[in-house]
Full PDB file with SEQRES, HELIX, SHEET, SSBOND, CRYST1, ORIGX, SCALE, CONECT and MASTER records, all heavy atoms in Angstrom:
SEQRES   1 A   40  PHE GLN LEU VAL ARG GLN GLY PHE GLU GLU LEU PHE LYS          
SEQRES   2 A   40  ARG ASN GLU GLU TYR PHE ALA ASN LEU LYS ARG GLN ILE          
SEQRES   3 A   40  VAL GLU ASP PRO ASP SER PHE SER PHE GLN ILE ASP TRP          
SEQRES   4 A   40  GLN                                                          
HELIX    1 AA1 GLN A    2  GLU A   28  1                                  27    
HELIX    2 AA2 PRO A   30  SER A   32  5                                   3    
CRYST1    1.000    1.000    1.000  90.00  90.00  90.00 P 1           1          
ORIGX1      1.000000  0.000000  0.000000        0.00000                         
ORIGX2      0.000000  1.000000  0.000000        0.00000                         
ORIGX3      0.000000  0.000000  1.000000        0.00000                         
SCALE1      1.000000  0.000000  0.000000        0.00000                         
SCALE2      0.000000  1.000000  0.000000        0.00000                         
SCALE3      0.000000  0.000000  1.000000        0.00000                         
ATOM      1  N   PHE A   1       0.830  -1.205   0.000  1.00  0.00           N  
ATOM      2  CA  PHE A   1       0.000   0.000   0.000  1.00  0.00           C  
ATOM      3  C   PHE A   1       0.863   1.252   0.000  1.00  0.00           C  
ATOM      4  O   PHE A   1       0.607   2.207  -0.733  1.00  0.00           O  
ATOM      5  CB  PHE A   1      -0.924  -0.010   1.221  1.00  0.00           C  
ATOM      6  CG  PHE A   1      -1.851   1.172   1.268  1.00  0.00           C  
ATOM      7  CD1 PHE A   1      -3.040   1.157   0.557  1.00  0.00           C  
ATOM      8  CD2 PHE A   1      -1.527   2.289   2.017  1.00  0.00           C  
ATOM      9  CE1 PHE A   1      -3.899   2.249   0.601  1.00  0.00           C  
ATOM     10  CE2 PHE A   1      -2.376   3.384   2.063  1.00  0.00           C  
ATOM     11  CZ  PHE A   1      -3.568   3.363   1.355  1.00  0.00           C  
ATOM     12  N   GLN A   2       1.906   1.254   0.825  1.00  0.00           N  
ATOM     13  CA  GLN A   2       2.772   2.428   0.885  1.00  0.00           C  
ATOM     14  C   GLN A   2       3.542   2.624  -0.429  1.00  0.00           C  
ATOM     15  O   GLN A   2       3.788   3.752  -0.846  1.00  0.00           O  
ATOM     16  CB  GLN A   2       3.753   2.304   2.051  1.00  0.00           C  
ATOM     17  CG  GLN A   2       4.636   3.528   2.266  1.00  0.00           C  
ATOM     18  CD  GLN A   2       3.861   4.745   2.752  1.00  0.00           C  
ATOM     19  OE1 GLN A   2       2.658   4.661   3.017  1.00  0.00           O  
ATOM     20  NE2 GLN A   2       4.539   5.871   2.863  1.00  0.00           N  
ATOM     21  N   LEU A   3       3.904   1.524  -1.080  1.00  0.00           N  
ATOM     22  CA  LEU A   3       4.559   1.626  -2.377  1.00  0.00           C  
ATOM     23  C   LEU A   3       3.662   2.334  -3.392  1.00  0.00           C  
ATOM     24  O   LEU A   3       4.135   3.162  -4.187  1.00  0.00           O  
ATOM     25  CB  LEU A   3       4.930   0.245  -2.909  1.00  0.00           C  
ATOM     26  CG  LEU A   3       6.217  -0.381  -2.397  1.00  0.00           C  
ATOM     27  CD1 LEU A   3       6.338  -1.809  -2.933  1.00  0.00           C  
ATOM     28  CD2 LEU A   3       7.431   0.439  -2.818  1.00  0.00           C  
ATOM     29  N   VAL A   4       2.386   1.994  -3.378  1.00  0.00           N  
ATOM     30  CA  VAL A   4       1.454   2.658  -4.284  1.00  0.00           C  
ATOM     31  C   VAL A   4       1.428   4.153  -4.005  1.00  0.00           C  
ATOM     32  O   VAL A   4       1.525   4.984  -4.916  1.00  0.00           O  
ATOM     33  CB  VAL A   4       0.037   2.057  -4.152  1.00  0.00           C  
ATOM     34  CG1 VAL A   4      -0.977   2.915  -4.893  1.00  0.00           C  
ATOM     35  CG2 VAL A   4       0.007   0.648  -4.715  1.00  0.00           C  
ATOM     36  N   ARG A   5       1.312   4.509  -2.748  1.00  0.00           N  
ATOM     37  CA  ARG A   5       1.282   5.926  -2.372  1.00  0.00           C  
ATOM     38  C   ARG A   5       2.567   6.631  -2.798  1.00  0.00           C  
ATOM     39  O   ARG A   5       2.538   7.712  -3.386  1.00  0.00           O  
ATOM     40  CB  ARG A   5       1.085   6.059  -0.863  1.00  0.00           C  
ATOM     41  CG  ARG A   5       1.107   7.498  -0.360  1.00  0.00           C  
ATOM     42  CD  ARG A   5       0.941   7.558   1.139  1.00  0.00           C  
ATOM     43  NE  ARG A   5      -0.368   7.115   1.535  1.00  0.00           N  
ATOM     44  CZ  ARG A   5      -1.459   7.885   1.548  1.00  0.00           C  
ATOM     45  NH1 ARG A   5      -1.380   9.138   1.143  1.00  0.00           N  
ATOM     46  NH2 ARG A   5      -2.619   7.409   1.937  1.00  0.00           N  
ATOM     47  N   GLN A   6       3.710   6.024  -2.509  1.00  0.00           N  
ATOM     48  CA  GLN A   6       4.988   6.653  -2.814  1.00  0.00           C  
ATOM     49  C   GLN A   6       5.166   6.848  -4.320  1.00  0.00           C  
ATOM     50  O   GLN A   6       5.678   7.870  -4.778  1.00  0.00           O  
ATOM     51  CB  GLN A   6       6.139   5.819  -2.272  1.00  0.00           C  
ATOM     52  CG  GLN A   6       6.231   5.796  -0.761  1.00  0.00           C  
ATOM     53  CD  GLN A   6       6.396   7.172  -0.149  1.00  0.00           C  
ATOM     54  OE1 GLN A   6       5.603   7.576   0.687  1.00  0.00           O  
ATOM     55  NE2 GLN A   6       7.418   7.894  -0.564  1.00  0.00           N  
ATOM     56  N   GLY A   7       4.764   5.835  -5.090  1.00  0.00           N  
ATOM     57  CA  GLY A   7       4.885   5.954  -6.530  1.00  0.00           C  
ATOM     58  C   GLY A   7       4.065   7.107  -7.080  1.00  0.00           C  
ATOM     59  O   GLY A   7       4.534   7.871  -7.936  1.00  0.00           O  
ATOM     60  N   PHE A   8       2.842   7.264  -6.582  1.00  0.00           N  
ATOM     61  CA  PHE A   8       2.022   8.366  -7.065  1.00  0.00           C  
ATOM     62  C   PHE A   8       2.537   9.713  -6.596  1.00  0.00           C  
ATOM     63  O   PHE A   8       2.425  10.719  -7.316  1.00  0.00           O  
ATOM     64  CB  PHE A   8       0.557   8.155  -6.664  1.00  0.00           C  
ATOM     65  CG  PHE A   8      -0.193   7.335  -7.669  1.00  0.00           C  
ATOM     66  CD1 PHE A   8      -0.328   5.966  -7.499  1.00  0.00           C  
ATOM     67  CD2 PHE A   8      -0.740   7.922  -8.792  1.00  0.00           C  
ATOM     68  CE1 PHE A   8      -0.984   5.201  -8.438  1.00  0.00           C  
ATOM     69  CE2 PHE A   8      -1.410   7.161  -9.744  1.00  0.00           C  
ATOM     70  CZ  PHE A   8      -1.528   5.801  -9.557  1.00  0.00           C  
ATOM     71  N   GLU A   9       3.129   9.772  -5.411  1.00  0.00           N  
ATOM     72  CA  GLU A   9       3.756  11.015  -4.965  1.00  0.00           C  
ATOM     73  C   GLU A   9       4.909  11.394  -5.890  1.00  0.00           C  
ATOM     74  O   GLU A   9       5.104  12.566  -6.232  1.00  0.00           O  
ATOM     75  CB  GLU A   9       4.253  10.863  -3.529  1.00  0.00           C  
ATOM     76  CG  GLU A   9       3.142  10.841  -2.485  1.00  0.00           C  
ATOM     77  CD  GLU A   9       2.331  12.134  -2.483  1.00  0.00           C  
ATOM     78  OE1 GLU A   9       2.929  13.223  -2.382  1.00  0.00           O  
ATOM     79  OE2 GLU A   9       1.090  12.047  -2.610  1.00  0.00           O  
ATOM     80  N   GLU A  10       5.693  10.400  -6.307  1.00  0.00           N  
ATOM     81  CA  GLU A  10       6.798  10.673  -7.214  1.00  0.00           C  
ATOM     82  C   GLU A  10       6.285  11.099  -8.590  1.00  0.00           C  
ATOM     83  O   GLU A  10       6.841  11.995  -9.220  1.00  0.00           O  
ATOM     84  CB  GLU A  10       7.708   9.448  -7.340  1.00  0.00           C  
ATOM     85  CG  GLU A  10       8.473   9.103  -6.075  1.00  0.00           C  
ATOM     86  CD  GLU A  10       9.482  10.168  -5.678  1.00  0.00           C  
ATOM     87  OE1 GLU A  10       9.929  10.937  -6.562  1.00  0.00           O  
ATOM     88  OE2 GLU A  10       9.823  10.244  -4.489  1.00  0.00           O  
ATOM     89  N   LEU A  11       5.209  10.462  -9.068  1.00  0.00           N  
ATOM     90  CA  LEU A  11       4.617  10.881 -10.333  1.00  0.00           C  
ATOM     91  C   LEU A  11       4.169  12.339 -10.268  1.00  0.00           C  
ATOM     92  O   LEU A  11       4.357  13.111 -11.214  1.00  0.00           O  
ATOM     93  CB  LEU A  11       3.410  10.008 -10.679  1.00  0.00           C  
ATOM     94  CG  LEU A  11       3.657   8.678 -11.368  1.00  0.00           C  
ATOM     95  CD1 LEU A  11       2.326   7.956 -11.554  1.00  0.00           C  
ATOM     96  CD2 LEU A  11       4.326   8.859 -12.717  1.00  0.00           C  
ATOM     97  N   PHE A  12       3.566  12.714  -9.145  1.00  0.00           N  
ATOM     98  CA  PHE A  12       3.116  14.095  -8.971  1.00  0.00           C  
ATOM     99  C   PHE A  12       4.312  15.053  -9.047  1.00  0.00           C  
ATOM    100  O   PHE A  12       4.245  16.104  -9.694  1.00  0.00           O  
ATOM    101  CB  PHE A  12       2.405  14.244  -7.635  1.00  0.00           C  
ATOM    102  CG  PHE A  12       1.856  15.624  -7.396  1.00  0.00           C  
ATOM    103  CD1 PHE A  12       0.614  15.982  -7.900  1.00  0.00           C  
ATOM    104  CD2 PHE A  12       2.578  16.572  -6.688  1.00  0.00           C  
ATOM    105  CE1 PHE A  12       0.114  17.264  -7.695  1.00  0.00           C  
ATOM    106  CE2 PHE A  12       2.080  17.850  -6.483  1.00  0.00           C  
ATOM    107  CZ  PHE A  12       0.842  18.198  -6.990  1.00  0.00           C  
ATOM    108  N   LYS A  13       5.428  14.677  -8.412  1.00  0.00           N  
ATOM    109  CA  LYS A  13       6.619  15.523  -8.453  1.00  0.00           C  
ATOM    110  C   LYS A  13       7.134  15.674  -9.882  1.00  0.00           C  
ATOM    111  O   LYS A  13       7.512  16.768 -10.311  1.00  0.00           O  
ATOM    112  CB  LYS A  13       7.723  14.921  -7.576  1.00  0.00           C  
ATOM    113  CG  LYS A  13       7.454  14.977  -6.091  1.00  0.00           C  
ATOM    114  CD  LYS A  13       8.598  14.308  -5.333  1.00  0.00           C  
ATOM    115  CE  LYS A  13       8.284  14.171  -3.857  1.00  0.00           C  
ATOM    116  NZ  LYS A  13       9.365  13.438  -3.147  1.00  0.00           N  
ATOM    117  N   ARG A  14       7.180  14.566 -10.631  1.00  0.00           N  
ATOM    118  CA  ARG A  14       7.661  14.630 -12.008  1.00  0.00           C  
ATOM    119  C   ARG A  14       6.746  15.518 -12.843  1.00  0.00           C  
ATOM    120  O   ARG A  14       7.189  16.259 -13.712  1.00  0.00           O  
ATOM    121  CB  ARG A  14       7.728  13.234 -12.648  1.00  0.00           C  
ATOM    122  CG  ARG A  14       8.626  12.247 -11.946  1.00  0.00           C  
ATOM    123  CD  ARG A  14      10.047  12.761 -11.754  1.00  0.00           C  
ATOM    124  NE  ARG A  14      10.891  11.793 -11.125  1.00  0.00           N  
ATOM    125  CZ  ARG A  14      10.915  11.528  -9.821  1.00  0.00           C  
ATOM    126  NH1 ARG A  14      10.106  12.164  -9.000  1.00  0.00           N  
ATOM    127  NH2 ARG A  14      11.766  10.635  -9.333  1.00  0.00           N  
ATOM    128  N   ASN A  15       5.451  15.428 -12.584  1.00  0.00           N  
ATOM    129  CA  ASN A  15       4.472  16.259 -13.276  1.00  0.00           C  
ATOM    130  C   ASN A  15       4.732  17.741 -13.007  1.00  0.00           C  
ATOM    131  O   ASN A  15       4.751  18.563 -13.928  1.00  0.00           O  
ATOM    132  CB  ASN A  15       3.075  15.853 -12.810  1.00  0.00           C  
ATOM    133  CG  ASN A  15       1.964  16.624 -13.487  1.00  0.00           C  
ATOM    134  OD1 ASN A  15       1.646  17.721 -13.061  1.00  0.00           O  
ATOM    135  ND2 ASN A  15       1.359  16.039 -14.493  1.00  0.00           N  
ATOM    136  N   GLU A  16       4.956  18.077 -11.743  1.00  0.00           N  
ATOM    137  CA  GLU A  16       5.225  19.461 -11.372  1.00  0.00           C  
ATOM    138  C   GLU A  16       6.513  19.963 -12.005  1.00  0.00           C  
ATOM    139  O   GLU A  16       6.590  21.097 -12.487  1.00  0.00           O  
ATOM    140  CB  GLU A  16       5.322  19.569  -9.842  1.00  0.00           C  
ATOM    141  CG  GLU A  16       4.006  19.369  -9.122  1.00  0.00           C  
ATOM    142  CD  GLU A  16       3.068  20.540  -9.319  1.00  0.00           C  
ATOM    143  OE1 GLU A  16       3.229  21.551  -8.618  1.00  0.00           O  
ATOM    144  OE2 GLU A  16       2.179  20.454 -10.188  1.00  0.00           O  
ATOM    145  N   GLU A  17       7.539  19.118 -12.006  1.00  0.00           N  
ATOM    146  CA  GLU A  17       8.821  19.497 -12.610  1.00  0.00           C  
ATOM    147  C   GLU A  17       8.656  19.736 -14.107  1.00  0.00           C  
ATOM    148  O   GLU A  17       9.225  20.688 -14.659  1.00  0.00           O  
ATOM    149  CB  GLU A  17       9.856  18.398 -12.367  1.00  0.00           C  
ATOM    150  CG  GLU A  17      10.289  18.271 -10.914  1.00  0.00           C  
ATOM    151  CD  GLU A  17      11.067  16.992 -10.640  1.00  0.00           C  
ATOM    152  OE1 GLU A  17      11.289  16.216 -11.608  1.00  0.00           O  
ATOM    153  OE2 GLU A  17      11.430  16.757  -9.476  1.00  0.00           O  
ATOM    154  N   TYR A  18       7.888  18.870 -14.763  1.00  0.00           N  
ATOM    155  CA  TYR A  18       7.673  19.009 -16.200  1.00  0.00           C  
ATOM    156  C   TYR A  18       7.028  20.350 -16.526  1.00  0.00           C  
ATOM    157  O   TYR A  18       7.480  21.077 -17.425  1.00  0.00           O  
ATOM    158  CB  TYR A  18       6.800  17.860 -16.714  1.00  0.00           C  
ATOM    159  CG  TYR A  18       6.361  18.050 -18.144  1.00  0.00           C  
ATOM    160  CD1 TYR A  18       7.222  17.760 -19.200  1.00  0.00           C  
ATOM    161  CD2 TYR A  18       5.089  18.540 -18.440  1.00  0.00           C  
ATOM    162  CE1 TYR A  18       6.825  17.942 -20.522  1.00  0.00           C  
ATOM    163  CE2 TYR A  18       4.686  18.727 -19.754  1.00  0.00           C  
ATOM    164  CZ  TYR A  18       5.560  18.427 -20.786  1.00  0.00           C  
ATOM    165  OH  TYR A  18       5.171  18.628 -22.084  1.00  0.00           O  
ATOM    166  N   PHE A  19       5.955  20.695 -15.803  1.00  0.00           N  
ATOM    167  CA  PHE A  19       5.260  21.931 -16.112  1.00  0.00           C  
ATOM    168  C   PHE A  19       6.044  23.161 -15.684  1.00  0.00           C  
ATOM    169  O   PHE A  19       5.939  24.227 -16.314  1.00  0.00           O  
ATOM    170  CB  PHE A  19       3.855  21.920 -15.518  1.00  0.00           C  
ATOM    171  CG  PHE A  19       2.901  21.091 -16.325  1.00  0.00           C  
ATOM    172  CD1 PHE A  19       2.464  19.864 -15.871  1.00  0.00           C  
ATOM    173  CD2 PHE A  19       2.471  21.523 -17.572  1.00  0.00           C  
ATOM    174  CE1 PHE A  19       1.608  19.089 -16.637  1.00  0.00           C  
ATOM    175  CE2 PHE A  19       1.619  20.754 -18.341  1.00  0.00           C  
ATOM    176  CZ  PHE A  19       1.184  19.539 -17.870  1.00  0.00           C  
ATOM    177  N   ALA A  20       6.853  23.043 -14.644  1.00  0.00           N  
ATOM    178  CA  ALA A  20       7.724  24.162 -14.271  1.00  0.00           C  
ATOM    179  C   ALA A  20       8.732  24.435 -15.381  1.00  0.00           C  
ATOM    180  O   ALA A  20       8.981  25.595 -15.750  1.00  0.00           O  
ATOM    181  CB  ALA A  20       8.445  23.857 -12.960  1.00  0.00           C  
ATOM    182  N   ASN A  21       9.308  23.378 -15.929  1.00  0.00           N  
ATOM    183  CA  ASN A  21      10.258  23.534 -17.035  1.00  0.00           C  
ATOM    184  C   ASN A  21       9.564  24.072 -18.290  1.00  0.00           C  
ATOM    185  O   ASN A  21      10.124  24.898 -19.016  1.00  0.00           O  
ATOM    186  CB  ASN A  21      10.938  22.207 -17.348  1.00  0.00           C  
ATOM    187  CG  ASN A  21      11.889  21.772 -16.258  1.00  0.00           C  
ATOM    188  OD1 ASN A  21      12.441  22.605 -15.541  1.00  0.00           O  
ATOM    189  ND2 ASN A  21      12.089  20.471 -16.110  1.00  0.00           N  
ATOM    190  N   LEU A  22       8.343  23.583 -18.533  1.00  0.00           N  
ATOM    191  CA  LEU A  22       7.590  24.038 -19.699  1.00  0.00           C  
ATOM    192  C   LEU A  22       7.270  25.534 -19.583  1.00  0.00           C  
ATOM    193  O   LEU A  22       7.394  26.283 -20.555  1.00  0.00           O  
ATOM    194  CB  LEU A  22       6.304  23.230 -19.842  1.00  0.00           C  
ATOM    195  CG  LEU A  22       5.409  23.546 -21.041  1.00  0.00           C  
ATOM    196  CD1 LEU A  22       6.156  23.334 -22.357  1.00  0.00           C  
ATOM    197  CD2 LEU A  22       4.144  22.694 -20.993  1.00  0.00           C  
ATOM    198  N   LYS A  23       6.883  25.962 -18.392  1.00  0.00           N  
ATOM    199  CA  LYS A  23       6.595  27.381 -18.181  1.00  0.00           C  
ATOM    200  C   LYS A  23       7.814  28.241 -18.488  1.00  0.00           C  
ATOM    201  O   LYS A  23       7.718  29.276 -19.157  1.00  0.00           O  
ATOM    202  CB  LYS A  23       6.161  27.619 -16.730  1.00  0.00           C  
ATOM    203  CG  LYS A  23       4.762  27.154 -16.399  1.00  0.00           C  
ATOM    204  CD  LYS A  23       4.463  27.445 -14.937  1.00  0.00           C  
ATOM    205  CE  LYS A  23       3.123  26.880 -14.528  1.00  0.00           C  
ATOM    206  NZ  LYS A  23       2.832  27.146 -13.106  1.00  0.00           N  
ATOM    207  N   ARG A  24       8.980  27.803 -17.979  1.00  0.00           N  
ATOM    208  CA  ARG A  24      10.202  28.562 -18.223  1.00  0.00           C  
ATOM    209  C   ARG A  24      10.497  28.657 -19.719  1.00  0.00           C  
ATOM    210  O   ARG A  24      10.880  29.706 -20.227  1.00  0.00           O  
ATOM    211  CB  ARG A  24      11.381  27.909 -17.491  1.00  0.00           C  
ATOM    212  CG  ARG A  24      11.442  28.230 -16.012  1.00  0.00           C  
ATOM    213  CD  ARG A  24      12.775  27.836 -15.419  1.00  0.00           C  
ATOM    214  NE  ARG A  24      12.948  26.389 -15.397  1.00  0.00           N  
ATOM    215  CZ  ARG A  24      12.574  25.605 -14.400  1.00  0.00           C  
ATOM    216  NH1 ARG A  24      11.981  26.125 -13.332  1.00  0.00           N  
ATOM    217  NH2 ARG A  24      12.770  24.299 -14.457  1.00  0.00           N  
ATOM    218  N   GLN A  25      10.304  27.552 -20.411  1.00  0.00           N  
ATOM    219  CA  GLN A  25      10.578  27.541 -21.842  1.00  0.00           C  
ATOM    220  C   GLN A  25       9.633  28.462 -22.597  1.00  0.00           C  
ATOM    221  O   GLN A  25      10.037  29.169 -23.534  1.00  0.00           O  
ATOM    222  CB  GLN A  25      10.479  26.118 -22.394  1.00  0.00           C  
ATOM    223  CG  GLN A  25      10.923  25.990 -23.839  1.00  0.00           C  
ATOM    224  CD  GLN A  25      10.858  24.560 -24.341  1.00  0.00           C  
ATOM    225  OE1 GLN A  25      10.592  23.634 -23.580  1.00  0.00           O  
ATOM    226  NE2 GLN A  25      11.101  24.386 -25.621  1.00  0.00           N  
ATOM    227  N   ILE A  26       8.362  28.473 -22.206  1.00  0.00           N  
ATOM    228  CA  ILE A  26       7.373  29.334 -22.859  1.00  0.00           C  
ATOM    229  C   ILE A  26       7.720  30.801 -22.651  1.00  0.00           C  
ATOM    230  O   ILE A  26       7.657  31.619 -23.578  1.00  0.00           O  
ATOM    231  CB  ILE A  26       5.955  29.035 -22.331  1.00  0.00           C  
ATOM    232  CG1 ILE A  26       5.513  27.633 -22.754  1.00  0.00           C  
ATOM    233  CG2 ILE A  26       4.960  30.076 -22.828  1.00  0.00           C  
ATOM    234  CD1 ILE A  26       4.241  27.171 -22.080  1.00  0.00           C  
ATOM    235  N   VAL A  27       8.077  31.141 -21.419  1.00  0.00           N  
ATOM    236  CA  VAL A  27       8.408  32.531 -21.110  1.00  0.00           C  
ATOM    237  C   VAL A  27       9.679  32.961 -21.830  1.00  0.00           C  
ATOM    238  O   VAL A  27       9.759  34.062 -22.399  1.00  0.00           O  
ATOM    239  CB  VAL A  27       8.557  32.717 -19.582  1.00  0.00           C  
ATOM    240  CG1 VAL A  27       9.094  34.104 -19.265  1.00  0.00           C  
ATOM    241  CG2 VAL A  27       7.216  32.498 -18.891  1.00  0.00           C  
ATOM    242  N   GLU A  28      10.694  32.090 -21.840  1.00  0.00           N  
ATOM    243  CA  GLU A  28      11.979  32.449 -22.414  1.00  0.00           C  
ATOM    244  C   GLU A  28      11.996  32.388 -23.934  1.00  0.00           C  
ATOM    245  O   GLU A  28      12.693  33.167 -24.587  1.00  0.00           O  
ATOM    246  CB  GLU A  28      13.067  31.527 -21.846  1.00  0.00           C  
ATOM    247  CG  GLU A  28      13.303  31.719 -20.354  1.00  0.00           C  
ATOM    248  CD  GLU A  28      14.205  30.652 -19.765  1.00  0.00           C  
ATOM    249  OE1 GLU A  28      14.692  29.794 -20.537  1.00  0.00           O  
ATOM    250  OE2 GLU A  28      14.424  30.665 -18.535  1.00  0.00           O  
ATOM    251  N   ASP A  29      11.233  31.477 -24.514  1.00  0.00           N  
ATOM    252  CA  ASP A  29      11.282  31.308 -25.967  1.00  0.00           C  
ATOM    253  C   ASP A  29       9.914  30.882 -26.502  1.00  0.00           C  
ATOM    254  O   ASP A  29       9.727  29.746 -26.942  1.00  0.00           O  
ATOM    255  CB  ASP A  29      12.347  30.267 -26.335  1.00  0.00           C  
ATOM    256  CG  ASP A  29      12.574  30.182 -27.842  1.00  0.00           C  
ATOM    257  OD1 ASP A  29      12.094  31.076 -28.568  1.00  0.00           O  
ATOM    258  OD2 ASP A  29      13.216  29.204 -28.281  1.00  0.00           O  
ATOM    259  N   PRO A  30       8.943  31.780 -26.455  1.00  0.00           N  
ATOM    260  CA  PRO A  30       7.576  31.409 -26.887  1.00  0.00           C  
ATOM    261  C   PRO A  30       7.495  30.995 -28.352  1.00  0.00           C  
ATOM    262  O   PRO A  30       6.605  30.242 -28.738  1.00  0.00           O  
ATOM    263  CB  PRO A  30       6.763  32.680 -26.612  1.00  0.00           C  
ATOM    264  CG  PRO A  30       7.770  33.783 -26.579  1.00  0.00           C  
ATOM    265  CD  PRO A  30       9.026  33.179 -26.039  1.00  0.00           C  
ATOM    266  N   ASP A  31       8.420  31.487 -29.177  1.00  0.00           N  
ATOM    267  CA  ASP A  31       8.383  31.165 -30.602  1.00  0.00           C  
ATOM    268  C   ASP A  31       8.807  29.733 -30.910  1.00  0.00           C  
ATOM    269  O   ASP A  31       8.688  29.279 -32.053  1.00  0.00           O  
ATOM    270  CB  ASP A  31       9.284  32.132 -31.384  1.00  0.00           C  
ATOM    271  CG  ASP A  31       8.767  33.559 -31.334  1.00  0.00           C  
ATOM    272  OD1 ASP A  31       7.539  33.719 -31.175  1.00  0.00           O  
ATOM    273  OD2 ASP A  31       9.578  34.489 -31.448  1.00  0.00           O  
ATOM    274  N   SER A  32       9.314  29.025 -29.898  1.00  0.00           N  
ATOM    275  CA  SER A  32       9.743  27.642 -30.135  1.00  0.00           C  
ATOM    276  C   SER A  32       8.567  26.671 -30.180  1.00  0.00           C  
ATOM    277  O   SER A  32       8.744  25.500 -30.489  1.00  0.00           O  
ATOM    278  CB  SER A  32      10.726  27.202 -29.046  1.00  0.00           C  
ATOM    279  OG  SER A  32      10.087  27.165 -27.771  1.00  0.00           O  
ATOM    280  N   PHE A  33       7.355  27.163 -29.899  1.00  0.00           N  
ATOM    281  CA  PHE A  33       6.164  26.311 -29.909  1.00  0.00           C  
ATOM    282  C   PHE A  33       5.344  26.575 -31.164  1.00  0.00           C  
ATOM    283  O   PHE A  33       5.200  27.721 -31.603  1.00  0.00           O  
ATOM    284  CB  PHE A  33       5.312  26.563 -28.656  1.00  0.00           C  
ATOM    285  CG  PHE A  33       5.988  26.157 -27.380  1.00  0.00           C  
ATOM    286  CD1 PHE A  33       6.846  27.027 -26.729  1.00  0.00           C  
ATOM    287  CD2 PHE A  33       5.799  24.895 -26.854  1.00  0.00           C  
ATOM    288  CE1 PHE A  33       7.488  26.654 -25.559  1.00  0.00           C  
ATOM    289  CE2 PHE A  33       6.431  24.510 -25.683  1.00  0.00           C  
ATOM    290  CZ  PHE A  33       7.280  25.391 -25.042  1.00  0.00           C  
ATOM    291  N   SER A  34       4.803  25.515 -31.720  1.00  0.00           N  
ATOM    292  CA  SER A  34       4.029  25.640 -32.954  1.00  0.00           C  
ATOM    293  C   SER A  34       2.614  26.165 -32.698  1.00  0.00           C  
ATOM    294  O   SER A  34       1.904  26.509 -33.623  1.00  0.00           O  
ATOM    295  CB  SER A  34       3.957  24.286 -33.669  1.00  0.00           C  
ATOM    296  OG  SER A  34       3.349  23.316 -32.828  1.00  0.00           O  
ATOM    297  N   PHE A  35       2.195  26.208 -31.433  1.00  0.00           N  
ATOM    298  CA  PHE A  35       0.890  26.751 -31.082  1.00  0.00           C  
ATOM    299  C   PHE A  35       1.031  27.540 -29.789  1.00  0.00           C  
ATOM    300  O   PHE A  35       1.949  27.321 -29.006  1.00  0.00           O  
ATOM    301  CB  PHE A  35      -0.155  25.639 -30.926  1.00  0.00           C  
ATOM    302  CG  PHE A  35       0.255  24.553 -29.973  1.00  0.00           C  
ATOM    303  CD1 PHE A  35      -0.067  24.623 -28.624  1.00  0.00           C  
ATOM    304  CD2 PHE A  35       0.974  23.453 -30.433  1.00  0.00           C  
ATOM    305  CE1 PHE A  35       0.312  23.618 -27.758  1.00  0.00           C  
ATOM    306  CE2 PHE A  35       1.359  22.447 -29.565  1.00  0.00           C  
ATOM    307  CZ  PHE A  35       1.026  22.531 -28.219  1.00  0.00           C  
ATOM    308  N   GLN A  36       0.121  28.449 -29.569  1.00  0.00           N  
ATOM    309  CA  GLN A  36       0.212  29.336 -28.408  1.00  0.00           C  
ATOM    310  C   GLN A  36      -0.241  28.627 -27.146  1.00  0.00           C  
ATOM    311  O   GLN A  36      -1.269  27.963 -27.120  1.00  0.00           O  
ATOM    312  CB  GLN A  36      -0.638  30.589 -28.646  1.00  0.00           C  
ATOM    313  CG  GLN A  36      -0.460  31.655 -27.565  1.00  0.00           C  
ATOM    314  CD  GLN A  36      -1.201  32.938 -27.901  1.00  0.00           C  
ATOM    315  OE1 GLN A  36      -1.959  32.994 -28.863  1.00  0.00           O  
ATOM    316  NE2 GLN A  36      -0.966  33.969 -27.116  1.00  0.00           N  
ATOM    317  N   ILE A  37       0.548  28.786 -26.092  1.00  0.00           N  
ATOM    318  CA  ILE A  37       0.221  28.190 -24.796  1.00  0.00           C  
ATOM    319  C   ILE A  37       0.219  29.298 -23.746  1.00  0.00           C  
ATOM    320  O   ILE A  37       1.164  30.092 -23.671  1.00  0.00           O  
ATOM    321  CB  ILE A  37       1.247  27.111 -24.394  1.00  0.00           C  
ATOM    322  CG1 ILE A  37       1.307  26.005 -25.442  1.00  0.00           C  
ATOM    323  CG2 ILE A  37       0.899  26.521 -23.030  1.00  0.00           C  
ATOM    324  CD1 ILE A  37       2.379  24.966 -25.185  1.00  0.00           C  
ATOM    325  N   ASP A  38      -0.842  29.367 -22.975  1.00  0.00           N  
ATOM    326  CA  ASP A  38      -0.903  30.336 -21.876  1.00  0.00           C  
ATOM    327  C   ASP A  38      -0.270  29.704 -20.645  1.00  0.00           C  
ATOM    328  O   ASP A  38      -0.873  28.862 -19.980  1.00  0.00           O  
ATOM    329  CB  ASP A  38      -2.358  30.715 -21.600  1.00  0.00           C  
ATOM    330  CG  ASP A  38      -2.483  31.806 -20.535  1.00  0.00           C  
ATOM    331  OD1 ASP A  38      -1.456  32.147 -19.911  1.00  0.00           O  
ATOM    332  OD2 ASP A  38      -3.605  32.295 -20.335  1.00  0.00           O  
ATOM    333  N   TRP A  39       0.970  30.094 -20.345  1.00  0.00           N  
ATOM    334  CA  TRP A  39       1.705  29.466 -19.247  1.00  0.00           C  
ATOM    335  C   TRP A  39       1.038  29.683 -17.899  1.00  0.00           C  
ATOM    336  O   TRP A  39       1.220  28.900 -16.958  1.00  0.00           O  
ATOM    337  CB  TRP A  39       3.144  29.979 -19.198  1.00  0.00           C  
ATOM    338  CG  TRP A  39       3.283  31.438 -18.854  1.00  0.00           C  
ATOM    339  CD1 TRP A  39       3.319  32.479 -19.721  1.00  0.00           C  
ATOM    340  CD2 TRP A  39       3.394  31.988 -17.540  1.00  0.00           C  
ATOM    341  NE1 TRP A  39       3.452  33.661 -19.041  1.00  0.00           N  
ATOM    342  CE2 TRP A  39       3.502  33.388 -17.698  1.00  0.00           C  
ATOM    343  CE3 TRP A  39       3.405  31.443 -16.261  1.00  0.00           C  
ATOM    344  CZ2 TRP A  39       3.612  34.248 -16.612  1.00  0.00           C  
ATOM    345  CZ3 TRP A  39       3.518  32.309 -15.178  1.00  0.00           C  
ATOM    346  CH2 TRP A  39       3.620  33.690 -15.356  1.00  0.00           C  
ATOM    347  N   GLN A  40       0.228  30.753 -17.782  1.00  0.00           N  
ATOM    348  CA  GLN A  40      -0.425  31.033 -16.506  1.00  0.00           C  
ATOM    349  C   GLN A  40      -1.499  29.992 -16.162  1.00  0.00           C  
ATOM    350  O   GLN A  40      -1.935  29.893 -15.016  1.00  0.00           O  
ATOM    351  CB  GLN A  40      -1.034  32.434 -16.523  1.00  0.00           C  
ATOM    352  CG  GLN A  40       0.016  33.534 -16.643  1.00  0.00           C  
ATOM    353  CD  GLN A  40      -0.593  34.926 -16.617  1.00  0.00           C  
ATOM    354  OE1 GLN A  40      -1.793  35.092 -16.398  1.00  0.00           O  
ATOM    355  NE2 GLN A  40       0.218  35.946 -16.851  1.00  0.00           N  
TER     356      GLN A  40                                                      
MASTER        0    0    0    2    0    0    0    6  355    1    0    4          
END                                                                             
């Protein structure tokens, strides 16, 4: 049971890291995307 919980906590962290990096990329280089994304 704890393994299940821990795995999902880690997935959540990876998700947060992904979107944090995506936000930075959008702000720093919005033209690198083929479609407009509202980082907010």
